[in-house]
């Protein structure tokens, strides 16, 4: 987005017959903190603290966290999700995903 403070993220993925669609923003706050806010068609609205180190981004929320690793060419990212049932004291694997950037669709005249 203009200004360089927000990044918009959209996804549309399938797992079998299920479809998961969502919208998120990643924001650089005035204090330098980075926050991710995500909303989806399953009714979830979640907020995560984000830490970035080179090609690895870590998202941490109250009961979920993810480690996102970007390929060198930025065309692919692998995501390892974990969840906690005890407010972050222990974590268990939730799922692993691989996302591939799709070419932008040409606008219709």
Protein backbone atom coordinates (compact mmCIF):
# COMPACT_ATOMS: atom_id res chain seq x y z
CA UNK A 1 0.00 0.00 0.00
CA UNK A 2 1.19 3.58 -0.49
CA UNK A 3 3.36 4.89 2.33
CA UNK A 4 5.20 1.62 2.86
CA UNK A 5 3.59 0.82 6.23
CA UNK A 6 1.13 -1.90 5.17
CA UNK A 7 1.33 -5.00 3.03
CA UNK A 8 -1.88 -6.63 1.79
CA UNK A 9 -1.95 -10.42 1.59
CA UNK A 10 -4.68 -12.50 -0.04
CA UNK A 11 -5.01 -16.24 -0.34
CA UNK A 12 -7.30 -18.73 -1.99
CA UNK A 13 -6.37 -22.34 -1.45
CA UNK A 14 -8.02 -25.72 -1.63
CA UNK A 15 -7.62 -28.80 0.49
CA UNK A 16 -9.66 -31.54 -1.12
CA UNK A 17 -13.13 -30.08 -1.63
CA UNK A 18 -12.62 -27.38 1.03
CA UNK A 19 -11.77 -23.82 0.04
CA UNK A 20 -9.98 -21.38 2.33
CA UNK A 21 -10.07 -17.72 1.26
CA UNK A 22 -8.71 -14.81 3.21
CA UNK A 23 -7.33 -11.32 3.47
CA UNK A 24 -4.58 -10.07 5.72
CA UNK A 25 -2.52 -7.02 6.41
CA UNK A 26 0.98 -6.79 7.74
CA UNK A 27 1.64 -3.44 9.39
CA UNK A 28 4.76 -1.69 10.61
CA UNK A 29 3.52 0.09 13.73
CA UNK A 30 4.84 3.50 14.83
CA UNK A 31 6.89 1.85 17.59
CA UNK A 32 8.58 -0.45 15.03
CA UNK A 33 6.59 -3.56 15.95
CA UNK A 34 5.24 -5.58 13.02
CA UNK A 35 1.69 -6.92 13.33
CA UNK A 36 -0.25 -9.30 11.08
CA UNK A 37 -4.06 -9.28 11.04
CA UNK A 38 -5.87 -11.97 9.07
CA UNK A 39 -9.54 -12.62 8.25
CA UNK A 40 -11.03 -15.59 6.40
CA UNK A 41 -14.17 -17.21 5.04
CA UNK A 42 -14.21 -19.62 8.00
CA UNK A 43 -15.02 -16.76 10.38
CA UNK A 44 -11.58 -16.38 11.94
CA UNK A 45 -10.07 -12.97 12.73
CA UNK A 46 -6.58 -13.33 14.17
CA UNK A 47 -3.73 -11.05 15.16
CA UNK A 48 -0.06 -12.08 15.23
CA UNK A 49 3.20 -10.47 16.25
CA UNK A 50 5.64 -10.79 13.37
CA UNK A 51 9.41 -11.16 13.49
CA UNK A 52 11.42 -11.09 10.28
CA UNK A 53 14.91 -12.45 9.82
CA UNK A 54 16.18 -12.61 6.25
CA UNK A 55 14.06 -15.22 4.42
CA UNK A 56 12.17 -16.44 7.51
CA UNK A 57 9.15 -14.73 9.04
CA UNK A 58 7.68 -15.88 12.37
CA UNK A 59 4.05 -15.14 13.26
CA UNK A 60 3.03 -15.66 16.90
CA UNK A 61 -0.50 -15.41 18.25
CA UNK A 62 -2.21 -16.54 21.44
CA UNK A 63 -2.91 -20.07 20.30
CA UNK A 64 -1.25 -20.38 16.88
CA UNK A 65 2.11 -19.63 15.37
CA UNK A 66 3.71 -20.08 11.99
CA UNK A 67 7.18 -20.08 10.51
CA UNK A 68 7.21 -18.90 6.89
CA UNK A 69 10.32 -19.54 4.79
CA UNK A 70 10.64 -17.78 1.42
CA UNK A 71 12.55 -19.23 -1.52
CA UNK A 72 15.45 -17.14 -2.87
CA UNK A 73 13.43 -16.12 -5.93
CA UNK A 74 10.41 -15.23 -3.70
CA UNK A 75 8.13 -17.40 -5.86
CA UNK A 76 7.49 -20.02 -3.17
CA UNK A 77 6.98 -20.03 0.56
CA UNK A 78 6.76 -22.97 2.93
CA UNK A 79 4.70 -22.56 6.09
CA UNK A 80 4.81 -24.66 9.25
CA UNK A 81 1.83 -23.99 11.53
CA UNK A 82 1.65 -24.98 15.19
CA UNK A 83 -1.06 -24.60 17.81
CA UNK A 84 -1.16 -24.39 21.57
CA UNK A 85 -3.99 -25.48 23.83
CA UNK A 86 -2.34 -23.98 26.94
CA UNK A 87 -1.71 -20.33 25.97
CA UNK A 88 1.73 -20.95 24.48
CA UNK A 89 3.29 -23.16 27.16
CA UNK A 90 3.55 -26.07 24.69
CA UNK A 91 3.11 -26.25 20.91
CA UNK A 92 1.97 -29.09 18.61
CA UNK A 93 2.19 -29.28 14.80
CA UNK A 94 -0.99 -28.11 13.08
CA UNK A 95 -0.20 -28.29 9.34
CA UNK A 96 2.45 -27.63 6.71
CA UNK A 97 1.71 -25.69 3.54
CA UNK A 98 3.55 -24.68 0.41
CA UNK A 99 2.36 -21.61 -1.51
CA UNK A 100 3.42 -20.59 -4.99
CA UNK A 101 3.03 -17.08 -6.32
CA UNK A 102 0.66 -16.93 -9.25
CA UNK A 103 1.13 -14.50 -12.14
CA UNK A 104 -1.10 -11.45 -11.96
CA UNK A 105 -4.21 -11.69 -14.09
CA UNK A 106 -4.59 -9.06 -16.77
CA UNK A 107 -7.37 -6.57 -16.07
CA UNK A 108 -10.41 -6.86 -18.31
CA UNK A 109 -10.95 -3.84 -20.57
